[in-house]
């Protein structure tokens, strides 16, 4: 995607009332404390990095990048902000806004996933193309998209309890009926990823409780070994007595079979 800058990259001060937000903005949560800190910095030092906008109408501009800076500037009482005006189509504006935000590290995991989904559904980009644009592996992009299978309530629990993306992926193994219960236990713990995975496996039935061997089972095992030893000794005794006995053992998943072959003339001789 090639974007053309107007006015040879010259900055333009634009009134904040003429700048409208980008509908493709993936960020839904703006940290109040962080905005306040940025607002204080802007009030003292000004806006060090210009906003990026495009012409939307004769007087209005659509924001492409810099919504946090715009909000903080408004909080600081700025009537105008420095902007670079770009010439681009609706689709290019959406792509640029989404990618610019996805390359930042302060989006939460679900905002990232929603931004990736918009690039696919609204901008007709493939997972491979998105991965290249944001500098991630295609498998990472696919895993982030899977997070959108979680319900809004589940996402809220994860964010409110500072659970990680790995926690989120672990509970995705469960059905929707079990996920909420698992997340509540993980949050109440709080459980780390390893313990969370153990909990999920138990809920899936993958960790059956080992049954203790009963006393009777032990006796039976010992008796079987005695029978086998007795059988082998009997074969050895026949061989030492001149009887050409041939023993054979066959073992499968279901049973162990022992057999002995004795020549008739040896068996019935007087």
Protein backbone atom coordinates (compact mmCIF):
# COMPACT_ATOMS: atom_id res chain seq x y z
CA UNK A 1 0.00 0.00 0.00
CA UNK A 2 1.49 3.34 -1.05
CA UNK A 3 0.31 6.50 0.67
CA UNK A 4 0.97 9.93 -0.85
CA UNK A 5 1.70 12.87 1.45
CA UNK A 6 0.29 16.26 0.61
CA UNK A 7 2.16 19.56 0.83
CA UNK A 8 5.59 17.89 0.71
CA UNK A 9 5.26 16.51 4.24
CA UNK A 10 4.56 19.93 5.74
CA UNK A 11 2.71 19.96 9.04
CA UNK A 12 -0.75 21.46 9.20
CA UNK A 13 -2.37 22.66 12.41
CA UNK A 14 -5.97 21.44 12.36
CA UNK A 15 -8.70 22.35 14.87
CA UNK A 16 -9.58 19.31 17.00
CA UNK A 17 -13.28 19.87 16.36
CA UNK A 18 -12.70 19.04 12.67
CA UNK A 19 -10.96 15.70 13.34
CA UNK A 20 -13.23 12.65 13.47
CA UNK A 21 -12.17 9.22 14.82
CA UNK A 22 -11.38 6.32 12.52
CA UNK A 23 -14.13 3.69 12.51
CA UNK A 24 -11.49 0.99 12.06
CA UNK A 25 -9.73 1.91 15.31
CA UNK A 26 -9.26 -1.44 17.12
CA UNK A 27 -8.63 0.14 20.53
CA UNK A 28 -11.73 0.08 22.71
CA UNK A 29 -10.16 0.75 26.10
CA UNK A 30 -8.18 3.92 26.86
CA UNK A 31 -6.42 3.87 30.23
CA UNK A 32 -7.47 6.98 32.12
CA UNK A 33 -4.23 7.30 34.14
CA UNK A 34 -2.06 6.87 31.05
CA UNK A 35 -4.08 9.48 29.16
CA UNK A 36 -3.72 11.89 32.09
CA UNK A 37 0.04 11.36 32.15
CA UNK A 38 0.26 11.90 28.38
CA UNK A 39 -1.92 15.00 28.68
CA UNK A 40 0.44 16.50 31.27
CA UNK A 41 3.42 15.74 29.04
CA UNK A 42 1.74 17.35 26.03
CA UNK A 43 0.80 20.41 28.09
CA UNK A 44 4.46 20.82 29.06
CA UNK A 45 6.28 19.73 25.90
CA UNK A 46 3.69 19.93 23.11
CA UNK A 47 2.88 17.13 20.66
CA UNK A 48 6.25 15.70 19.60
CA UNK A 49 4.82 13.25 17.05
CA UNK A 50 2.21 14.69 14.65
CA UNK A 51 -1.11 12.95 14.11
CA UNK A 52 -1.87 11.39 10.72
CA UNK A 53 -5.16 12.28 9.06
CA UNK A 54 -6.84 12.28 5.66
CA UNK A 55 -9.34 14.64 4.10
CA UNK A 56 -12.89 13.46 4.66
CA UNK A 57 -14.89 16.50 3.54
CA UNK A 58 -14.10 20.15 2.74
CA UNK A 59 -13.72 20.90 6.44
CA UNK A 60 -13.47 17.49 8.17
CA UNK A 61 -10.53 15.13 8.53
CA UNK A 62 -10.52 11.44 9.45
CA UNK A 63 -7.92 10.34 11.96
CA UNK A 64 -5.61 7.57 10.73
CA UNK A 65 -3.10 7.38 13.57
CA UNK A 66 -2.80 9.15 16.93
CA UNK A 67 -6.11 8.89 18.78
CA UNK A 68 -4.41 8.76 22.20
CA UNK A 69 -2.46 11.90 21.35
CA UNK A 70 -5.67 13.60 20.15
CA UNK A 71 -7.58 12.73 23.33
CA UNK A 72 -4.69 13.80 25.55
CA UNK A 73 -4.33 17.08 23.64
CA UNK A 74 -8.03 17.82 24.12
CA UNK A 75 -7.65 17.06 27.86
CA UNK A 76 -4.71 19.50 27.93
CA UNK A 77 -6.91 22.20 26.40
CA UNK A 78 -5.39 22.30 22.91
CA UNK A 79 -7.68 23.80 20.27
CA UNK A 80 -5.45 22.68 17.38
CA UNK A 81 -3.05 19.79 16.83
CA UNK A 82 -0.22 19.29 14.29
CA UNK A 83 -1.14 16.79 11.57
CA UNK A 84 0.25 15.24 8.40
CA UNK A 85 -2.47 14.95 5.77
CA UNK A 86 -2.35 11.78 3.70
CA UNK A 87 -4.03 11.08 0.40
CA UNK A 88 -5.56 7.61 0.53
CA UNK A 89 -8.74 5.65 -0.13
CA UNK A 90 -11.20 4.43 2.49
CA UNK A 91 -9.69 0.95 2.34
CA UNK A 92 -6.12 2.24 2.61
CA UNK A 93 -7.07 4.42 5.56
CA UNK A 94 -8.61 1.44 7.36
CA UNK A 95 -5.59 -0.77 6.69
CA UNK A 96 -3.10 1.87 7.80
CA UNK A 97 -5.05 2.67 11.00
CA UNK A 98 -5.38 -1.00 11.95
CA UNK A 99 -1.76 -1.92 11.22
CA UNK A 100 -0.43 1.19 12.99
CA UNK A 101 -2.32 0.16 16.13
CA UNK A 102 -1.45 -3.54 15.85
CA UNK A 103 2.24 -2.67 15.76
CA UNK A 104 1.91 -0.99 19.13
CA UNK A 105 2.32 -3.03 22.32
CA UNK A 106 -0.44 -1.43 24.41
CA UNK A 107 -3.49 -3.05 22.83
CA UNK A 108 -5.05 -5.80 24.91
CA UNK A 109 -5.19 -9.29 23.42
CA UNK A 110 -8.84 -9.02 22.34
CA UNK A 111 -8.35 -5.61 20.70
CA UNK A 112 -5.48 -7.13 18.74
CA UNK A 113 -7.64 -10.08 17.69
CA UNK A 114 -10.50 -7.78 16.64
CA UNK A 115 -8.10 -5.62 14.62
CA UNK A 116 -6.77 -8.68 12.79
CA UNK A 117 -10.31 -9.87 12.10
CA UNK A 118 -11.20 -6.48 10.59
CA UNK A 119 -8.19 -6.62 8.30
CA UNK A 120 -9.45 -9.98 7.03
CA UNK A 121 -13.16 -9.23 6.75
CA UNK A 122 -13.12 -5.55 5.79
CA UNK A 123 -9.78 -5.16 4.00
CA UNK A 124 -9.58 -8.60 2.32
CA UNK A 125 -6.13 -9.36 3.71
CA UNK A 126 -4.89 -12.89 4.36
CA UNK A 127 -3.36 -14.09 7.61
CA UNK A 128 0.00 -14.36 5.86
CA UNK A 129 -0.19 -10.75 4.63
CA UNK A 130 -1.15 -9.49 8.08
CA UNK A 131 1.68 -11.45 9.71
CA UNK A 132 4.22 -9.81 7.39
CA UNK A 133 2.80 -6.32 7.99
CA UNK A 134 2.88 -6.54 11.79
CA UNK A 135 6.06 -8.62 12.06
CA UNK A 136 4.57 -11.78 13.55
CA UNK A 137 4.34 -15.44 12.53
CA UNK A 138 1.22 -16.63 10.72
CA UNK A 139 0.59 -19.13 13.56
CA UNK A 140 0.61 -16.23 16.06
CA UNK A 141 -2.02 -14.41 13.98
CA UNK A 142 -4.17 -17.57 13.85
CA UNK A 143 -3.90 -18.06 17.62
CA UNK A 144 -4.96 -14.47 18.27
CA UNK A 145 -8.04 -14.93 16.09
CA UNK A 146 -9.03 -17.98 18.17
CA UNK A 147 -9.37 -15.69 21.21
CA UNK A 148 -12.53 -14.20 19.70
CA UNK A 149 -14.29 -17.50 20.43
CA UNK A 150 -14.42 -16.39 24.06
CA UNK A 151 -17.64 -14.65 25.10
CA UNK A 152 -17.65 -10.99 26.24
CA UNK A 153 -18.14 -12.16 29.85
CA UNK A 154 -15.15 -14.50 29.60
CA UNK A 155 -13.03 -11.77 28.04
CA UNK A 156 -13.99 -9.41 30.87
CA UNK A 157 -12.89 -11.92 33.53
CA UNK A 158 -9.54 -12.41 31.77
CA UNK A 159 -8.86 -8.66 31.47
CA UNK A 160 -10.12 -7.70 34.93
CA UNK A 161 -7.93 -10.34 36.59
CA UNK A 162 -4.82 -9.65 34.48
CA UNK A 163 -4.79 -13.17 33.08
CA UNK A 164 -2.46 -13.78 30.15
CA UNK A 165 -3.09 -14.82 26.56
CA UNK A 166 -1.77 -18.28 27.50
CA UNK A 167 -4.48 -18.55 30.16
CA UNK A 168 -7.05 -17.64 27.51
CA UNK A 169 -5.79 -20.26 25.07
CA UNK A 170 -5.79 -22.96 27.76
CA UNK A 171 -9.50 -22.54 28.55
CA UNK A 172 -10.37 -22.62 24.84
CA UNK A 173 -9.92 -26.39 25.08
CA UNK A 174 -13.15 -26.52 27.09
CA UNK A 175 -16.72 -26.29 25.89
CA UNK A 176 -18.51 -22.99 26.43
CA UNK A 177 -20.49 -24.58 29.29
CA UNK A 178 -17.28 -25.31 31.25
CA UNK A 179 -15.13 -22.31 30.32
CA UNK A 180 -16.76 -19.80 32.65
CA UNK A 181 -16.41 -22.08 35.68
CA UNK A 182 -12.76 -22.73 34.83
CA UNK A 183 -11.97 -19.02 34.44
CA UNK A 184 -13.56 -18.20 37.80
CA UNK A 185 -11.42 -20.86 39.53
CA UNK A 186 -8.30 -19.64 37.75
CA UNK A 187 -9.01 -16.02 38.72
CA UNK A 188 -9.87 -16.87 42.34
CA UNK A 189 -6.69 -18.93 42.76
CA UNK A 190 -5.02 -17.17 41.18
CA UNK A 191 -3.58 -20.06 39.17
CA UNK A 192 -0.53 -19.83 36.96
CA UNK A 193 -0.62 -21.25 33.43
CA UNK A 194 0.68 -24.70 34.44
CA UNK A 195 -1.90 -25.11 37.22
CA UNK A 196 -4.61 -23.74 34.93
CA UNK A 197 -3.73 -26.34 32.31
CA UNK A 198 -3.91 -29.08 34.94
CA UNK A 199 -7.36 -27.83 36.00
CA UNK A 200 -8.57 -27.81 32.38
CA UNK A 201 -7.25 -31.33 31.77
CA UNK A 202 -9.07 -32.57 34.88
CA UNK A 203 -12.28 -30.95 33.63
CA UNK A 204 -11.73 -32.68 30.28
CA UNK A 205 -11.26 -36.01 32.05
CA UNK A 206 -7.67 -36.41 30.82
CA UNK A 207 -6.25 -36.95 34.29
CA UNK A 208 -8.02 -40.02 35.76
CA UNK A 209 -7.29 -40.82 39.38
CA UNK A 210 -4.99 -43.81 39.69
CA UNK A 211 -6.69 -46.68 41.45
CA UNK A 212 -4.76 -48.46 44.16
CA UNK A 213 -4.20 -52.12 43.57
CA UNK A 214 -6.17 -54.23 45.98
CA UNK A 215 -4.60 -56.99 48.06
CA UNK A 216 -6.48 -59.62 46.05
CA UNK A 217 -5.01 -58.25 42.81
CA UNK A 218 -1.50 -58.62 44.21
CA UNK A 219 -2.14 -62.21 45.26
CA UNK A 220 -3.51 -63.07 41.83
CA UNK A 221 -0.43 -61.66 40.12
CA UNK A 222 1.81 -63.70 42.38
CA UNK A 223 -0.23 -66.88 41.78
CA UNK A 224 -0.01 -66.47 37.98
CA UNK A 225 3.75 -66.20 38.19
CA UNK A 226 3.87 -69.36 40.29
CA UNK A 227 1.80 -71.19 37.66
CA UNK A 228 4.13 -70.03 34.89
CA UNK A 229 7.23 -71.09 36.82
CA UNK A 230 5.65 -74.47 37.58
CA UNK A 231 4.84 -74.96 33.89
CA UNK A 232 8.39 -74.09 32.80
CA UNK A 233 9.90 -76.40 35.42
CA UNK A 234 7.65 -79.25 34.24
CA UNK A 235 8.90 -78.76 30.67
CA UNK A 236 12.50 -78.79 31.89
CA UNK A 237 11.85 -81.97 33.89
CA UNK A 238 10.40 -83.72 30.83
CA UNK A 239 13.41 -82.71 28.73
CA UNK A 240 15.84 -83.97 31.36
CA UNK A 241 13.92 -87.28 31.40
CA UNK A 242 14.42 -87.74 27.66
CA UNK A 243 11.00 -86.52 26.54
CA UNK A 244 11.37 -84.15 23.59
CA UNK A 245 8.92 -81.51 24.92
CA UNK A 246 8.81 -78.17 23.10
CA UNK A 247 7.35 -75.14 24.93
CA UNK A 248 6.15 -71.96 23.22
CA UNK A 249 5.07 -68.50 24.46
CA UNK A 250 2.80 -66.09 22.50
CA UNK A 251 2.07 -62.60 23.92
CA UNK A 252 -0.47 -60.09 22.59
CA UNK A 253 -2.24 -56.97 23.91
CA UNK A 254 -4.99 -59.13 25.41
CA UNK A 255 -3.27 -62.28 26.72
CA UNK A 256 -0.15 -64.37 27.23
CA UNK A 257 -0.35 -67.90 25.86
CA UNK A 258 1.95 -70.81 26.81
CA UNK A 259 1.82 -74.16 25.02
CA UNK A 260 3.79 -77.43 25.11
CA UNK A 261 4.18 -80.02 22.36
CA UNK A 262 5.03 -83.66 23.33
CA UNK A 263 5.62 -86.44 20.79
CA UNK A 264 2.94 -89.15 21.10
CA UNK A 265 5.40 -92.02 21.25
CA UNK A 266 7.07 -90.33 24.23
CA UNK A 267 3.76 -89.74 25.93
CA UNK A 268 2.28 -93.22 25.45
CA UNK A 269 5.37 -95.39 25.61
CA UNK A 270 5.33 -98.07 28.33
